[in-house]
Amino acid sequence: MNPEEVVKFERFIAHEYIEGHLMEAGIPYLREHPDAWESFSNDGGKTIEYYHTWPRNAFHAGAHDLSLNEGTGGFGHWRSLGMDASRVEVAPRLKNIDDVVAALKLELLSKGIELK
């Protein structure tokens, strides 16, 4: 793999790893709040489809929403949920991935989100 592919692969693995650990801690993949889903019609209104919207706050966010942003490799998206993970960074080769998970869990707990 070239260097760009390595970064992309590491981000993918980090996303899945963090997502899995958050799910083990009791956060569902996606939350099922009614306002987390919007509908639209296909086929001239014959088929109604749903899509997941961005959560309004941390309590509406699922593990998928909270995990590493694969595009940026960071957690800047946490700001829109009222949380701060700006200092949390995944090291090359994922050497600190367990420390990252621990830091994210601490931030979630500090906001009153219960974990197992």
N, C-alpha and C. Protein backbone atom coordinates (compact mmCIF):
# COMPACT_ATOMS: atom_id res chain seq x y z
N MET A 1 0.84 -1.18 0.00
CA MET A 1 0.00 0.00 0.00
C MET A 1 0.89 1.25 0.00
N ASN A 2 0.40 2.26 -0.71
CA ASN A 2 1.12 3.53 -0.68
C ASN A 2 0.75 4.27 0.61
N PRO A 3 1.48 5.35 0.95
CA PRO A 3 1.21 6.05 2.21
C PRO A 3 -0.22 6.54 2.38
N GLU A 4 -0.86 7.01 1.32
CA GLU A 4 -2.25 7.47 1.41
C GLU A 4 -3.19 6.31 1.73
N GLU A 5 -2.93 5.16 1.13
CA GLU A 5 -3.77 3.99 1.40
C GLU A 5 -3.59 3.51 2.84
N VAL A 6 -2.38 3.63 3.36
CA VAL A 6 -2.13 3.23 4.75
C VAL A 6 -2.94 4.11 5.70
N VAL A 7 -2.93 5.42 5.47
CA VAL A 7 -3.69 6.34 6.31
C VAL A 7 -5.18 6.02 6.23
N LYS A 8 -5.68 5.81 5.03
CA LYS A 8 -7.10 5.50 4.84
C LYS A 8 -7.46 4.19 5.56
N PHE A 9 -6.61 3.19 5.45
CA PHE A 9 -6.85 1.91 6.10
C PHE A 9 -6.82 2.05 7.62
N GLU A 10 -5.84 2.77 8.15
CA GLU A 10 -5.76 2.97 9.59
C GLU A 10 -6.98 3.71 10.12
N ARG A 11 -7.46 4.69 9.39
CA ARG A 11 -8.66 5.41 9.82
C ARG A 11 -9.88 4.51 9.82
N PHE A 12 -9.97 3.65 8.82
CA PHE A 12 -11.09 2.70 8.76
C PHE A 12 -11.04 1.76 9.97
N ILE A 13 -9.87 1.20 10.24
CA ILE A 13 -9.72 0.27 11.37
C ILE A 13 -10.02 0.99 12.68
N ALA A 14 -9.50 2.21 12.83
CA ALA A 14 -9.74 2.98 14.06
C ALA A 14 -11.22 3.25 14.24
N HIS A 15 -11.91 3.63 13.16
CA HIS A 15 -13.35 3.88 13.24
C HIS A 15 -14.08 2.64 13.74
N GLU A 16 -13.81 1.52 13.13
CA GLU A 16 -14.50 0.28 13.51
C GLU A 16 -14.15 -0.14 14.94
N TYR A 17 -12.90 0.00 15.32
CA TYR A 17 -12.45 -0.38 16.66
C TYR A 17 -13.15 0.46 17.72
N ILE A 18 -13.13 1.78 17.53
CA ILE A 18 -13.76 2.69 18.49
C ILE A 18 -15.27 2.45 18.53
N GLU A 19 -15.88 2.32 17.38
CA GLU A 19 -17.31 2.06 17.29
C GLU A 19 -17.67 0.79 18.08
N GLY A 20 -16.90 -0.26 17.89
CA GLY A 20 -17.14 -1.52 18.58
C GLY A 20 -17.02 -1.39 20.09
N HIS A 21 -16.02 -0.65 20.54
CA HIS A 21 -15.83 -0.48 21.98
C HIS A 21 -16.93 0.39 22.59
N LEU A 22 -17.39 1.37 21.86
CA LEU A 22 -18.51 2.17 22.35
C LEU A 22 -19.78 1.33 22.43
N MET A 23 -19.97 0.45 21.47
CA MET A 23 -21.13 -0.44 21.51
C MET A 23 -21.02 -1.40 22.69
N GLU A 24 -19.83 -1.92 22.95
CA GLU A 24 -19.64 -2.79 24.12
C GLU A 24 -19.93 -2.04 25.41
N ALA A 25 -19.72 -0.72 25.40
CA ALA A 25 -19.98 0.10 26.57
C ALA A 25 -21.45 0.48 26.70
N GLY A 26 -22.28 0.01 25.78
CA GLY A 26 -23.72 0.22 25.89
C GLY A 26 -24.33 1.25 24.97
N ILE A 27 -23.53 1.85 24.11
CA ILE A 27 -24.07 2.83 23.17
C ILE A 27 -24.49 2.07 21.91
N PRO A 28 -25.73 2.21 21.48
CA PRO A 28 -26.17 1.50 20.28
C PRO A 28 -25.47 2.04 19.03
N TYR A 29 -25.47 1.24 17.99
CA TYR A 29 -24.85 1.65 16.72
C TYR A 29 -25.42 3.00 16.28
N LEU A 30 -26.74 3.12 16.23
CA LEU A 30 -27.45 4.39 15.99
C LEU A 30 -28.58 4.47 16.99
N ARG A 31 -28.88 5.67 17.43
CA ARG A 31 -30.01 5.86 18.35
C ARG A 31 -31.31 5.84 17.55
N GLU A 32 -32.37 5.45 18.20
CA GLU A 32 -33.66 5.35 17.51
C GLU A 32 -34.62 6.46 17.88
N HIS A 33 -34.10 7.63 18.22
CA HIS A 33 -34.97 8.77 18.49
C HIS A 33 -35.73 9.12 17.22
N PRO A 34 -37.02 9.43 17.32
CA PRO A 34 -37.80 9.75 16.13
C PRO A 34 -37.22 10.91 15.32
N ASP A 35 -36.62 11.89 16.00
CA ASP A 35 -36.07 13.02 15.25
C ASP A 35 -34.73 12.70 14.60
N ALA A 36 -34.23 11.49 14.77
CA ALA A 36 -32.97 11.09 14.14
C ALA A 36 -33.18 10.53 12.73
N TRP A 37 -34.42 10.44 12.32
CA TRP A 37 -34.73 9.85 11.02
C TRP A 37 -35.64 10.78 10.23
N GLU A 38 -35.35 10.95 8.98
CA GLU A 38 -36.20 11.73 8.08
C GLU A 38 -36.59 10.85 6.91
N SER A 39 -37.73 11.14 6.34
CA SER A 39 -38.22 10.31 5.23
C SER A 39 -38.27 11.11 3.94
N PHE A 40 -38.26 10.39 2.86
CA PHE A 40 -38.46 10.98 1.54
C PHE A 40 -39.10 9.92 0.66
N SER A 41 -39.74 10.35 -0.41
CA SER A 41 -40.43 9.42 -1.30
C SER A 41 -39.65 9.21 -2.59
N ASN A 42 -39.62 7.99 -3.01
CA ASN A 42 -39.04 7.60 -4.30
C ASN A 42 -40.17 7.16 -5.22
N ASP A 43 -39.89 6.97 -6.46
CA ASP A 43 -40.84 6.40 -7.42
C ASP A 43 -42.17 7.15 -7.43
N GLY A 44 -42.12 8.47 -7.43
CA GLY A 44 -43.35 9.25 -7.48
C GLY A 44 -44.21 9.10 -6.25
N GLY A 45 -43.61 8.82 -5.12
CA GLY A 45 -44.36 8.71 -3.87
C GLY A 45 -44.78 7.30 -3.51
N LYS A 46 -44.41 6.32 -4.34
CA LYS A 46 -44.81 4.94 -4.07
C LYS A 46 -43.99 4.32 -2.92
N THR A 47 -42.71 4.67 -2.86
CA THR A 47 -41.83 4.08 -1.86
C THR A 47 -41.34 5.16 -0.91
N ILE A 48 -41.51 4.92 0.36
CA ILE A 48 -40.99 5.86 1.35
C ILE A 48 -39.71 5.27 1.93
N GLU A 49 -38.66 6.07 1.89
CA GLU A 49 -37.36 5.66 2.41
C GLU A 49 -37.00 6.57 3.57
N TYR A 50 -36.11 6.09 4.42
CA TYR A 50 -35.67 6.85 5.58
C TYR A 50 -34.15 6.98 5.56
N TYR A 51 -33.67 8.06 6.10
CA TYR A 51 -32.23 8.21 6.26
C TYR A 51 -31.94 8.81 7.63
N HIS A 52 -30.79 8.47 8.13
CA HIS A 52 -30.36 8.92 9.45
C HIS A 52 -29.81 10.34 9.35
N THR A 53 -30.33 11.23 10.18
CA THR A 53 -29.84 12.60 10.20
C THR A 53 -28.78 12.74 11.29
N TRP A 54 -28.04 13.84 11.23
CA TRP A 54 -27.01 14.06 12.25
C TRP A 54 -27.69 14.31 13.58
N PRO A 55 -27.19 13.68 14.66
CA PRO A 55 -27.81 13.85 15.98
C PRO A 55 -27.80 15.30 16.44
N ARG A 56 -28.81 15.65 17.22
CA ARG A 56 -28.92 17.02 17.74
C ARG A 56 -28.01 17.26 18.94
N ASN A 57 -27.70 16.18 19.67
CA ASN A 57 -26.84 16.31 20.84
C ASN A 57 -26.21 14.95 21.14
N ALA A 58 -25.36 14.93 22.14
CA ALA A 58 -24.62 13.70 22.48
C ALA A 58 -25.54 12.57 22.90
N PHE A 59 -26.68 12.90 23.50
CA PHE A 59 -27.60 11.86 23.96
C PHE A 59 -28.33 11.18 22.80
N HIS A 60 -28.35 11.82 21.65
CA HIS A 60 -28.98 11.23 20.47
C HIS A 60 -27.97 10.54 19.55
N ALA A 61 -26.69 10.63 19.89
CA ALA A 61 -25.64 10.06 19.05
C ALA A 61 -25.42 8.58 19.34
N GLY A 62 -25.22 7.83 18.29
CA GLY A 62 -24.88 6.42 18.42
C GLY A 62 -23.38 6.23 18.27
N ALA A 63 -22.94 5.00 18.45
CA ALA A 63 -21.51 4.68 18.36
C ALA A 63 -20.95 5.04 16.99
N HIS A 64 -21.73 4.84 15.96
CA HIS A 64 -21.28 5.17 14.60
C HIS A 64 -21.04 6.67 14.47
N ASP A 65 -21.92 7.47 15.02
CA ASP A 65 -21.79 8.92 14.97
C ASP A 65 -20.58 9.41 15.76
N LEU A 66 -20.31 8.76 16.88
CA LEU A 66 -19.27 9.20 17.80
C LEU A 66 -17.88 8.72 17.42
N SER A 67 -17.80 7.72 16.58
CA SER A 67 -16.50 7.16 16.25
C SER A 67 -15.67 8.12 15.40
N LEU A 68 -14.42 7.77 15.21
CA LEU A 68 -13.48 8.58 14.42
C LEU A 68 -14.05 8.93 13.06
N ASN A 69 -13.91 10.18 12.66
CA ASN A 69 -14.29 10.61 11.32
C ASN A 69 -13.22 10.09 10.37
N GLU A 70 -13.60 9.18 9.51
CA GLU A 70 -12.63 8.57 8.61
C GLU A 70 -12.04 9.56 7.62
N GLY A 71 -12.78 10.59 7.26
CA GLY A 71 -12.29 11.58 6.31
C GLY A 71 -11.20 12.46 6.89
N THR A 72 -11.40 12.92 8.13
CA THR A 72 -10.45 13.84 8.75
C THR A 72 -9.50 13.13 9.70
N GLY A 73 -9.90 11.96 10.16
CA GLY A 73 -9.07 11.23 11.12
C GLY A 73 -9.18 11.78 12.53
N GLY A 74 -10.18 12.57 12.80
CA GLY A 74 -10.30 13.18 14.12
C GLY A 74 -11.69 13.13 14.68
N PHE A 75 -11.90 13.98 15.68
CA PHE A 75 -13.16 14.01 16.42
C PHE A 75 -13.74 15.41 16.48
N GLY A 76 -13.46 16.23 15.49
CA GLY A 76 -14.00 17.58 15.44
C GLY A 76 -15.51 17.61 15.44
N HIS A 77 -16.13 16.56 14.92
CA HIS A 77 -17.59 16.48 14.88
C HIS A 77 -18.22 16.42 16.27
N TRP A 78 -17.45 16.11 17.28
CA TRP A 78 -17.98 16.08 18.64
C TRP A 78 -18.42 17.46 19.11
N ARG A 79 -17.79 18.52 18.57
CA ARG A 79 -18.17 19.89 18.97
C ARG A 79 -19.64 20.15 18.70
N SER A 80 -20.14 19.64 17.57
CA SER A 80 -21.55 19.90 17.24
C SER A 80 -22.50 19.15 18.17
N LEU A 81 -21.96 18.25 18.96
CA LEU A 81 -22.76 17.50 19.93
C LEU A 81 -22.58 18.03 21.35
N GLY A 82 -21.85 19.13 21.47
CA GLY A 82 -21.63 19.73 22.77
C GLY A 82 -20.52 19.10 23.58
N MET A 83 -19.61 18.41 22.90
CA MET A 83 -18.51 17.75 23.60
C MET A 83 -17.18 18.19 23.00
N ASP A 84 -16.11 17.93 23.74
CA ASP A 84 -14.79 18.32 23.27
C ASP A 84 -13.85 17.12 23.28
N ALA A 85 -13.46 16.71 22.11
CA ALA A 85 -12.45 15.66 21.96
C ALA A 85 -11.35 16.17 21.05
N SER A 86 -11.16 17.49 21.04
CA SER A 86 -10.21 18.10 20.12
C SER A 86 -8.77 17.69 20.39
N ARG A 87 -8.46 17.32 21.61
CA ARG A 87 -7.09 16.91 21.93
C ARG A 87 -6.85 15.42 21.75
N VAL A 88 -7.90 14.70 21.41
CA VAL A 88 -7.78 13.25 21.21
C VAL A 88 -7.33 12.99 19.78
N GLU A 89 -6.19 12.35 19.65
CA GLU A 89 -5.65 12.03 18.33
C GLU A 89 -5.18 10.58 18.31
N VAL A 90 -5.47 9.92 17.22
CA VAL A 90 -5.01 8.55 17.03
C VAL A 90 -3.60 8.60 16.46
N ALA A 91 -2.69 7.90 17.10
CA ALA A 91 -1.29 7.88 16.67
C ALA A 91 -1.11 6.98 15.44
N PRO A 92 -0.06 7.24 14.67
CA PRO A 92 0.23 6.35 13.54
C PRO A 92 0.33 4.89 14.02
N ARG A 93 -0.12 4.03 13.17
CA ARG A 93 -0.14 2.58 13.44
C ARG A 93 -1.05 2.23 14.61
N LEU A 94 -1.91 3.20 14.99
CA LEU A 94 -2.92 2.99 16.03
C LEU A 94 -2.30 2.61 17.38
N LYS A 95 -1.10 3.07 17.64
CA LYS A 95 -0.37 2.69 18.85
C LYS A 95 -1.07 3.10 20.13
N ASN A 96 -1.90 4.13 20.09
CA ASN A 96 -2.57 4.61 21.30
C ASN A 96 -4.09 4.40 21.27
N ILE A 97 -4.55 3.48 20.46
CA ILE A 97 -5.99 3.34 20.23
C ILE A 97 -6.78 3.09 21.52
N ASP A 98 -6.22 2.32 22.45
CA ASP A 98 -6.94 2.07 23.70
C ASP A 98 -6.99 3.32 24.56
N ASP A 99 -5.95 4.14 24.52
CA ASP A 99 -5.97 5.42 25.22
C ASP A 99 -7.01 6.35 24.62
N VAL A 100 -7.17 6.31 23.30
CA VAL A 100 -8.18 7.12 22.62
C VAL A 100 -9.58 6.71 23.08
N VAL A 101 -9.82 5.42 23.11
CA VAL A 101 -11.13 4.91 23.55
C VAL A 101 -11.40 5.36 24.99
N ALA A 102 -10.40 5.26 25.85
CA ALA A 102 -10.56 5.66 27.25
C ALA A 102 -10.87 7.15 27.37
N ALA A 103 -10.18 7.98 26.59
CA ALA A 103 -10.41 9.43 26.62
C ALA A 103 -11.81 9.78 26.14
N LEU A 104 -12.27 9.10 25.10
CA LEU A 104 -13.62 9.34 24.59
C LEU A 104 -14.67 8.94 25.62
N LYS A 105 -14.46 7.82 26.27
CA LYS A 105 -15.40 7.38 27.30
C LYS A 105 -15.45 8.37 28.45
N LEU A 106 -14.30 8.92 28.84
CA LEU A 106 -14.29 9.92 29.91
C LEU A 106 -15.10 11.16 29.53
N GLU A 107 -14.97 11.59 28.29
CA GLU A 107 -15.73 12.76 27.84
C GLU A 107 -17.22 12.45 27.84
N LEU A 108 -17.60 11.26 27.40
CA LEU A 108 -19.01 10.88 27.41
C LEU A 108 -19.55 10.84 28.84
N LEU A 109 -18.79 10.25 29.74
CA LEU A 109 -19.21 10.19 31.14
C LEU A 109 -19.33 11.58 31.75
N SER A 110 -18.42 12.48 31.38
CA SER A 110 -18.47 13.85 31.91
C SER A 110 -19.72 14.60 31.47
N LYS A 111 -20.34 14.16 30.38
CA LYS A 111 -21.57 14.78 29.88
C LYS A 111 -22.82 14.08 30.39
N GLY A 112 -22.63 13.06 31.24
CA GLY A 112 -23.76 12.36 31.83
C GLY A 112 -24.27 11.19 31.01
N ILE A 113 -23.49 10.75 30.05
CA ILE A 113 -23.90 9.60 29.24
C ILE A 113 -23.42 8.34 29.95
N GLU A 114 -24.37 7.49 30.28
CA GLU A 114 -24.05 6.27 31.03
C GLU A 114 -23.41 5.22 30.14
N LEU A 115 -22.40 4.56 30.69
CA LEU A 115 -21.70 3.49 29.99
C LEU A 115 -21.67 2.26 30.89
N LYS A 116 -21.51 1.11 30.29
CA LYS A 116 -21.40 -0.14 31.07
C LYS A 116 -20.03 -0.22 31.68
